[in-house]
N, C-alpha and C. Protein backbone atom coordinates (compact mmCIF):
# COMPACT_ATOMS: atom_id res chain seq x y z
N UNK A 1 9.66 -113.25 67.70
CA UNK A 1 10.93 -112.73 68.12
C UNK A 1 11.33 -111.52 67.26
N UNK A 2 11.11 -111.59 65.96
CA UNK A 2 11.46 -110.49 65.07
C UNK A 2 10.65 -109.24 65.39
N UNK A 3 9.37 -109.42 65.78
CA UNK A 3 8.54 -108.28 66.14
C UNK A 3 9.08 -107.61 67.39
N UNK A 4 9.58 -108.40 68.33
CA UNK A 4 10.14 -107.85 69.56
C UNK A 4 11.40 -107.02 69.27
N UNK A 5 12.25 -107.53 68.41
CA UNK A 5 13.47 -106.80 68.04
C UNK A 5 13.10 -105.52 67.30
N UNK A 6 12.15 -105.62 66.38
CA UNK A 6 11.69 -104.45 65.65
C UNK A 6 11.12 -103.40 66.60
N UNK A 7 10.36 -103.83 67.59
CA UNK A 7 9.80 -102.90 68.58
C UNK A 7 10.91 -102.18 69.34
N UNK A 8 11.95 -102.91 69.74
CA UNK A 8 13.07 -102.30 70.48
C UNK A 8 13.83 -101.30 69.59
N UNK A 9 14.01 -101.64 68.35
CA UNK A 9 14.69 -100.74 67.42
C UNK A 9 13.89 -99.44 67.29
N UNK A 10 12.57 -99.56 67.17
CA UNK A 10 11.71 -98.37 67.05
C UNK A 10 11.80 -97.53 68.32
N UNK A 11 11.78 -98.18 69.49
CA UNK A 11 11.89 -97.45 70.76
C UNK A 11 13.22 -96.71 70.84
N UNK A 12 14.28 -97.39 70.45
CA UNK A 12 15.61 -96.77 70.50
C UNK A 12 15.69 -95.59 69.53
N UNK A 13 15.18 -95.75 68.33
CA UNK A 13 15.19 -94.66 67.36
C UNK A 13 14.37 -93.46 67.84
N UNK A 14 13.21 -93.72 68.41
CA UNK A 14 12.35 -92.64 68.90
C UNK A 14 13.02 -91.91 70.06
N UNK A 15 13.67 -92.65 70.94
CA UNK A 15 14.37 -92.03 72.07
C UNK A 15 15.48 -91.12 71.54
N UNK A 16 16.22 -91.60 70.55
CA UNK A 16 17.29 -90.79 69.95
C UNK A 16 16.76 -89.53 69.30
N UNK A 17 15.62 -89.64 68.63
CA UNK A 17 15.03 -88.47 67.97
C UNK A 17 14.61 -87.43 69.00
N UNK A 18 14.03 -87.88 70.12
CA UNK A 18 13.61 -86.93 71.16
C UNK A 18 14.83 -86.27 71.80
N UNK A 19 15.88 -87.05 72.03
CA UNK A 19 17.10 -86.50 72.63
C UNK A 19 17.72 -85.47 71.69
N UNK A 20 17.79 -85.77 70.38
CA UNK A 20 18.34 -84.84 69.41
C UNK A 20 17.51 -83.56 69.36
N UNK A 21 16.20 -83.70 69.37
CA UNK A 21 15.32 -82.54 69.32
C UNK A 21 15.52 -81.66 70.54
N UNK A 22 15.65 -82.26 71.71
CA UNK A 22 15.85 -81.49 72.95
C UNK A 22 17.20 -80.77 72.91
N UNK A 23 18.24 -81.46 72.41
CA UNK A 23 19.57 -80.85 72.33
C UNK A 23 19.56 -79.69 71.34
N UNK A 24 18.92 -79.85 70.21
CA UNK A 24 18.84 -78.79 69.21
C UNK A 24 18.09 -77.59 69.76
N UNK A 25 16.99 -77.83 70.45
CA UNK A 25 16.22 -76.74 71.06
C UNK A 25 17.05 -76.01 72.10
N UNK A 26 17.79 -76.77 72.91
CA UNK A 26 18.64 -76.16 73.94
C UNK A 26 19.72 -75.30 73.30
N UNK A 27 20.34 -75.77 72.22
CA UNK A 27 21.37 -74.99 71.53
C UNK A 27 20.79 -73.70 70.97
N UNK A 28 19.59 -73.77 70.39
CA UNK A 28 18.94 -72.56 69.87
C UNK A 28 18.66 -71.57 70.98
N UNK A 29 18.22 -72.07 72.14
CA UNK A 29 17.95 -71.19 73.28
C UNK A 29 19.22 -70.51 73.77
N UNK A 30 20.33 -71.24 73.80
CA UNK A 30 21.61 -70.65 74.21
C UNK A 30 22.04 -69.58 73.22
N UNK A 31 21.91 -69.85 71.91
CA UNK A 31 22.26 -68.85 70.90
C UNK A 31 21.39 -67.60 71.04
N UNK A 32 20.10 -67.77 71.30
CA UNK A 32 19.21 -66.63 71.48
C UNK A 32 19.62 -65.83 72.71
N UNK A 33 19.98 -66.52 73.80
CA UNK A 33 20.41 -65.84 75.02
C UNK A 33 21.70 -65.06 74.76
N UNK A 34 22.65 -65.68 74.04
CA UNK A 34 23.90 -64.99 73.73
C UNK A 34 23.64 -63.73 72.92
N UNK A 35 22.72 -63.78 71.96
CA UNK A 35 22.46 -62.60 71.15
C UNK A 35 21.82 -61.49 71.98
N UNK A 36 21.16 -61.84 73.06
CA UNK A 36 20.56 -60.84 73.95
C UNK A 36 21.61 -60.25 74.87
N UNK A 37 22.56 -61.07 75.35
CA UNK A 37 23.52 -60.64 76.36
C UNK A 37 24.77 -59.99 75.77
N UNK A 38 25.18 -60.37 74.58
CA UNK A 38 26.43 -59.87 74.01
C UNK A 38 26.23 -58.54 73.31
N UNK A 39 27.28 -57.74 73.32
CA UNK A 39 27.22 -56.42 72.70
C UNK A 39 27.38 -56.47 71.20
N UNK A 40 26.88 -55.46 70.54
CA UNK A 40 26.99 -55.38 69.09
C UNK A 40 28.42 -55.08 68.65
N UNK A 41 29.26 -54.63 69.56
CA UNK A 41 30.64 -54.28 69.22
C UNK A 41 31.60 -55.47 69.28
N UNK A 42 31.13 -56.65 69.64
CA UNK A 42 31.99 -57.82 69.75
C UNK A 42 32.78 -58.02 68.46
N UNK A 43 34.06 -58.43 68.60
CA UNK A 43 34.88 -58.69 67.43
C UNK A 43 35.97 -59.68 67.76
N UNK A 44 36.58 -60.22 66.73
CA UNK A 44 37.71 -61.12 66.87
C UNK A 44 38.97 -60.35 66.52
N UNK A 45 39.98 -60.43 67.39
CA UNK A 45 41.28 -59.81 67.13
C UNK A 45 42.25 -60.91 66.73
N UNK A 46 42.86 -60.77 65.55
CA UNK A 46 43.79 -61.76 65.03
C UNK A 46 45.19 -61.15 65.02
N UNK A 47 46.13 -61.81 65.68
CA UNK A 47 47.49 -61.30 65.79
C UNK A 47 48.36 -61.91 64.69
N UNK A 48 48.55 -61.15 63.62
CA UNK A 48 49.42 -61.56 62.52
C UNK A 48 50.65 -60.64 62.46
N UNK A 49 51.02 -60.10 63.62
CA UNK A 49 52.15 -59.16 63.68
C UNK A 49 53.50 -59.87 63.66
N UNK A 50 53.51 -61.15 64.01
CA UNK A 50 54.78 -61.86 64.11
C UNK A 50 55.41 -61.76 65.49
N UNK A 51 54.80 -60.99 66.39
CA UNK A 51 55.29 -60.89 67.77
C UNK A 51 54.14 -61.13 68.75
N UNK A 52 54.51 -61.52 69.94
CA UNK A 52 53.52 -61.75 70.99
C UNK A 52 52.99 -60.42 71.52
N UNK A 53 51.68 -60.34 71.68
CA UNK A 53 51.06 -59.14 72.26
C UNK A 53 50.93 -59.38 73.76
N UNK A 54 51.52 -58.49 74.55
CA UNK A 54 51.51 -58.64 76.00
C UNK A 54 50.41 -57.84 76.68
N UNK A 55 49.90 -56.83 76.01
CA UNK A 55 48.83 -56.02 76.58
C UNK A 55 47.91 -55.57 75.46
N UNK A 56 46.62 -55.50 75.77
CA UNK A 56 45.61 -55.10 74.80
C UNK A 56 44.62 -54.17 75.48
N UNK A 57 44.40 -53.03 74.87
CA UNK A 57 43.47 -52.04 75.40
C UNK A 57 42.45 -51.70 74.33
N UNK A 58 41.20 -51.69 74.68
CA UNK A 58 40.13 -51.27 73.79
C UNK A 58 39.26 -50.31 74.58
N UNK A 59 39.16 -49.09 74.08
CA UNK A 59 38.44 -48.07 74.84
C UNK A 59 37.61 -47.21 73.89
N UNK A 60 36.50 -46.67 74.37
CA UNK A 60 35.72 -45.77 73.51
C UNK A 60 36.60 -44.63 73.00
N UNK A 61 36.38 -44.20 71.78
CA UNK A 61 37.21 -43.17 71.15
C UNK A 61 37.29 -41.88 71.98
N UNK A 62 36.25 -41.52 72.66
CA UNK A 62 36.25 -40.26 73.42
C UNK A 62 36.75 -40.43 74.85
N UNK A 63 37.26 -41.61 75.23
CA UNK A 63 37.77 -41.83 76.59
C UNK A 63 39.08 -41.08 76.80
N UNK A 64 39.34 -40.70 78.04
CA UNK A 64 40.55 -39.94 78.35
C UNK A 64 41.75 -40.84 78.67
N UNK A 65 41.53 -42.10 79.03
CA UNK A 65 42.63 -43.02 79.29
C UNK A 65 42.31 -44.41 78.73
N UNK A 66 43.29 -45.28 78.75
CA UNK A 66 43.15 -46.60 78.14
C UNK A 66 42.46 -47.61 79.04
N UNK A 67 42.38 -47.37 80.31
CA UNK A 67 41.77 -48.34 81.20
C UNK A 67 42.68 -49.52 81.45
N UNK A 68 42.09 -50.69 81.72
CA UNK A 68 42.86 -51.88 82.06
C UNK A 68 43.18 -52.73 80.84
N UNK A 69 44.30 -53.44 80.94
CA UNK A 69 44.69 -54.41 79.92
C UNK A 69 43.66 -55.53 79.92
N UNK A 70 42.96 -55.72 78.81
CA UNK A 70 41.89 -56.73 78.81
C UNK A 70 42.42 -58.15 78.66
N UNK A 71 43.71 -58.32 78.36
CA UNK A 71 44.29 -59.65 78.36
C UNK A 71 44.60 -60.11 79.78
N UNK A 72 44.69 -59.15 80.70
CA UNK A 72 45.03 -59.49 82.08
C UNK A 72 46.44 -60.05 82.14
N UNK A 73 46.60 -61.22 82.74
CA UNK A 73 47.93 -61.84 82.84
C UNK A 73 48.26 -62.67 81.61
N UNK A 74 47.30 -62.84 80.71
CA UNK A 74 47.52 -63.61 79.49
C UNK A 74 48.23 -62.77 78.44
N UNK A 75 48.70 -63.46 77.40
CA UNK A 75 49.27 -62.80 76.23
C UNK A 75 48.60 -63.38 75.00
N UNK A 76 48.81 -62.73 73.86
CA UNK A 76 48.26 -63.22 72.60
C UNK A 76 49.44 -63.52 71.67
N UNK A 77 49.71 -64.80 71.50
CA UNK A 77 50.85 -65.23 70.69
C UNK A 77 50.64 -64.86 69.22
N UNK A 78 51.75 -64.71 68.52
CA UNK A 78 51.69 -64.46 67.08
C UNK A 78 50.94 -65.61 66.41
N UNK A 79 49.99 -65.27 65.56
CA UNK A 79 49.19 -66.28 64.87
C UNK A 79 47.92 -66.67 65.59
N UNK A 80 47.77 -66.25 66.85
CA UNK A 80 46.56 -66.57 67.62
C UNK A 80 45.52 -65.47 67.49
N UNK A 81 44.32 -65.77 67.94
CA UNK A 81 43.25 -64.78 67.94
C UNK A 81 42.49 -64.86 69.25
N UNK A 82 41.72 -63.80 69.53
CA UNK A 82 40.93 -63.74 70.74
C UNK A 82 39.61 -63.05 70.42
N UNK A 83 38.54 -63.54 71.03
CA UNK A 83 37.23 -62.91 70.89
C UNK A 83 37.10 -61.83 71.96
N UNK A 84 36.73 -60.63 71.56
CA UNK A 84 36.52 -59.52 72.48
C UNK A 84 35.01 -59.32 72.60
N UNK A 85 34.51 -59.38 73.83
CA UNK A 85 33.07 -59.25 74.06
C UNK A 85 32.76 -57.99 74.86
N UNK A 86 31.66 -57.36 74.52
CA UNK A 86 31.20 -56.14 75.16
C UNK A 86 29.87 -56.41 75.86
N UNK A 87 29.58 -55.58 76.82
CA UNK A 87 28.28 -55.63 77.49
C UNK A 87 27.20 -55.22 76.49
N UNK A 88 26.05 -55.84 76.61
CA UNK A 88 24.93 -55.50 75.73
C UNK A 88 24.52 -54.04 75.90
N UNK A 89 24.77 -53.48 77.07
CA UNK A 89 24.36 -52.11 77.33
C UNK A 89 25.35 -51.08 76.76
N UNK A 90 26.48 -51.53 76.21
CA UNK A 90 27.47 -50.61 75.63
C UNK A 90 26.89 -49.92 74.41
N UNK A 91 27.06 -48.60 74.33
CA UNK A 91 26.47 -47.84 73.22
C UNK A 91 27.49 -47.17 72.31
N UNK A 92 28.77 -47.12 72.72
CA UNK A 92 29.76 -46.42 71.89
C UNK A 92 29.91 -47.10 70.53
N UNK A 93 30.05 -46.28 69.51
CA UNK A 93 30.20 -46.77 68.14
C UNK A 93 31.67 -46.86 67.74
N UNK A 94 32.46 -45.84 68.06
CA UNK A 94 33.86 -45.78 67.67
C UNK A 94 34.77 -46.11 68.85
N UNK A 95 35.79 -46.96 68.56
CA UNK A 95 36.68 -47.46 69.59
C UNK A 95 38.13 -47.32 69.15
N UNK A 96 39.01 -47.15 70.13
CA UNK A 96 40.44 -47.11 69.88
C UNK A 96 41.04 -48.42 70.40
N UNK A 97 42.10 -48.87 69.75
CA UNK A 97 42.75 -50.13 70.08
C UNK A 97 44.24 -49.89 70.25
N UNK A 98 44.80 -50.49 71.29
CA UNK A 98 46.24 -50.35 71.56
C UNK A 98 46.79 -51.71 71.93
N UNK A 99 47.91 -52.08 71.31
CA UNK A 99 48.61 -53.31 71.67
C UNK A 99 50.02 -52.96 72.08
N UNK A 100 50.56 -53.75 73.03
CA UNK A 100 51.92 -53.54 73.52
C UNK A 100 52.67 -54.86 73.51
N UNK A 101 53.99 -54.78 73.21
CA UNK A 101 54.81 -55.99 73.30
C UNK A 101 55.45 -56.06 74.69
N UNK A 102 56.32 -57.03 74.89
CA UNK A 102 56.91 -57.25 76.22
C UNK A 102 57.80 -56.08 76.67
N UNK A 103 58.31 -55.30 75.73
CA UNK A 103 59.16 -54.16 76.06
C UNK A 103 58.37 -52.88 76.30
N UNK A 104 57.04 -52.93 76.12
CA UNK A 104 56.21 -51.75 76.30
C UNK A 104 56.04 -50.92 75.03
N UNK A 105 56.68 -51.36 73.93
CA UNK A 105 56.47 -50.67 72.65
C UNK A 105 55.01 -50.89 72.25
N UNK A 106 54.39 -49.86 71.72
CA UNK A 106 52.96 -49.97 71.43
C UNK A 106 52.61 -49.45 70.04
N UNK A 107 51.44 -49.92 69.58
CA UNK A 107 50.85 -49.47 68.33
C UNK A 107 49.38 -49.18 68.64
N UNK A 108 48.86 -48.10 68.07
CA UNK A 108 47.48 -47.72 68.31
C UNK A 108 46.72 -47.53 67.01
N UNK A 109 45.46 -47.90 67.05
CA UNK A 109 44.53 -47.63 65.96
C UNK A 109 43.36 -46.89 66.58
N UNK A 110 42.84 -45.89 65.89
CA UNK A 110 41.73 -45.15 66.50
C UNK A 110 40.52 -45.07 65.58
N UNK A 111 39.40 -44.81 66.21
CA UNK A 111 38.11 -44.62 65.54
C UNK A 111 37.66 -45.84 64.73
N UNK A 112 37.82 -47.02 65.30
CA UNK A 112 37.31 -48.23 64.65
C UNK A 112 35.81 -48.32 64.92
N UNK A 113 35.02 -48.42 63.88
CA UNK A 113 33.57 -48.54 64.04
C UNK A 113 33.23 -50.01 64.30
N UNK A 114 33.19 -50.39 65.58
CA UNK A 114 32.98 -51.78 65.93
C UNK A 114 31.55 -52.26 65.72
N UNK A 115 30.66 -51.35 65.37
CA UNK A 115 29.31 -51.78 65.01
C UNK A 115 29.29 -52.39 63.61
N UNK A 116 30.34 -52.12 62.82
CA UNK A 116 30.41 -52.63 61.45
C UNK A 116 31.58 -53.58 61.24
N UNK A 117 32.35 -53.83 62.28
CA UNK A 117 33.56 -54.65 62.16
C UNK A 117 33.36 -55.93 62.99
N UNK A 118 33.68 -57.07 62.41
CA UNK A 118 33.60 -58.32 63.16
C UNK A 118 34.98 -58.94 63.38
N UNK A 119 35.96 -58.52 62.56
CA UNK A 119 37.32 -59.05 62.69
C UNK A 119 38.33 -57.93 62.47
N UNK A 120 39.34 -57.90 63.34
CA UNK A 120 40.47 -56.98 63.17
C UNK A 120 41.73 -57.82 63.10
N UNK A 121 42.41 -57.79 61.95
CA UNK A 121 43.66 -58.52 61.77
C UNK A 121 44.81 -57.52 61.84
N UNK A 122 45.72 -57.75 62.79
CA UNK A 122 46.85 -56.85 62.97
C UNK A 122 48.09 -57.41 62.29
N UNK A 123 48.78 -56.56 61.52
CA UNK A 123 49.99 -56.93 60.81
C UNK A 123 51.10 -55.95 61.16
N UNK A 124 52.35 -56.42 61.06
CA UNK A 124 53.50 -55.55 61.21
C UNK A 124 54.53 -56.02 60.20
N UNK A 125 54.77 -55.20 59.19
CA UNK A 125 55.68 -55.61 58.12
C UNK A 125 56.49 -54.42 57.65
N UNK A 126 57.77 -54.63 57.45
CA UNK A 126 58.67 -53.58 56.99
C UNK A 126 58.60 -52.33 57.86
N UNK A 127 58.51 -52.53 59.18
CA UNK A 127 58.49 -51.41 60.11
C UNK A 127 57.18 -50.64 60.16
N UNK A 128 56.13 -51.21 59.59
CA UNK A 128 54.87 -50.50 59.54
C UNK A 128 53.73 -51.37 60.08
N UNK A 129 52.93 -50.78 60.96
CA UNK A 129 51.78 -51.47 61.53
C UNK A 129 50.57 -51.25 60.64
N UNK A 130 49.79 -52.31 60.44
CA UNK A 130 48.61 -52.25 59.60
C UNK A 130 47.50 -53.07 60.26
N UNK A 131 46.28 -52.64 60.09
CA UNK A 131 45.13 -53.41 60.55
C UNK A 131 44.19 -53.56 59.38
N UNK A 132 43.75 -54.78 59.15
CA UNK A 132 42.71 -55.05 58.15
C UNK A 132 41.45 -55.39 58.92
N UNK A 133 40.39 -54.68 58.60
CA UNK A 133 39.12 -54.90 59.29
C UNK A 133 38.12 -55.52 58.34
N UNK A 134 37.30 -56.39 58.88
CA UNK A 134 36.28 -57.07 58.07
C UNK A 134 34.95 -56.98 58.77
């Protein structure tokens, strides 16, 4: 009887090891796919302004207009962050960033080298807008 229980325990452990191995391999494949599909300019925007951001524009530095609000119908609450993703085929190095509040008041930052930046933290203190990049 003890040999039978031991055999079942071994079968269960082996099944778990194979399942874990398959899951780990699948996760690695997904990460590899993401690194192929995502742009090098991807970054996290952190809203530490103390106000809700109602519109967000990110455009190549040499663009003539801001394009579409990339938040769409969403907003970015104070204290929240959002991941900004680019197409893998995107080649621009320098980007401009614009945020707007519910009244349409805006702040702009220009010539951000998104190839070297992974996080942009936006602050607004004492009437002055600041961005810390990492």
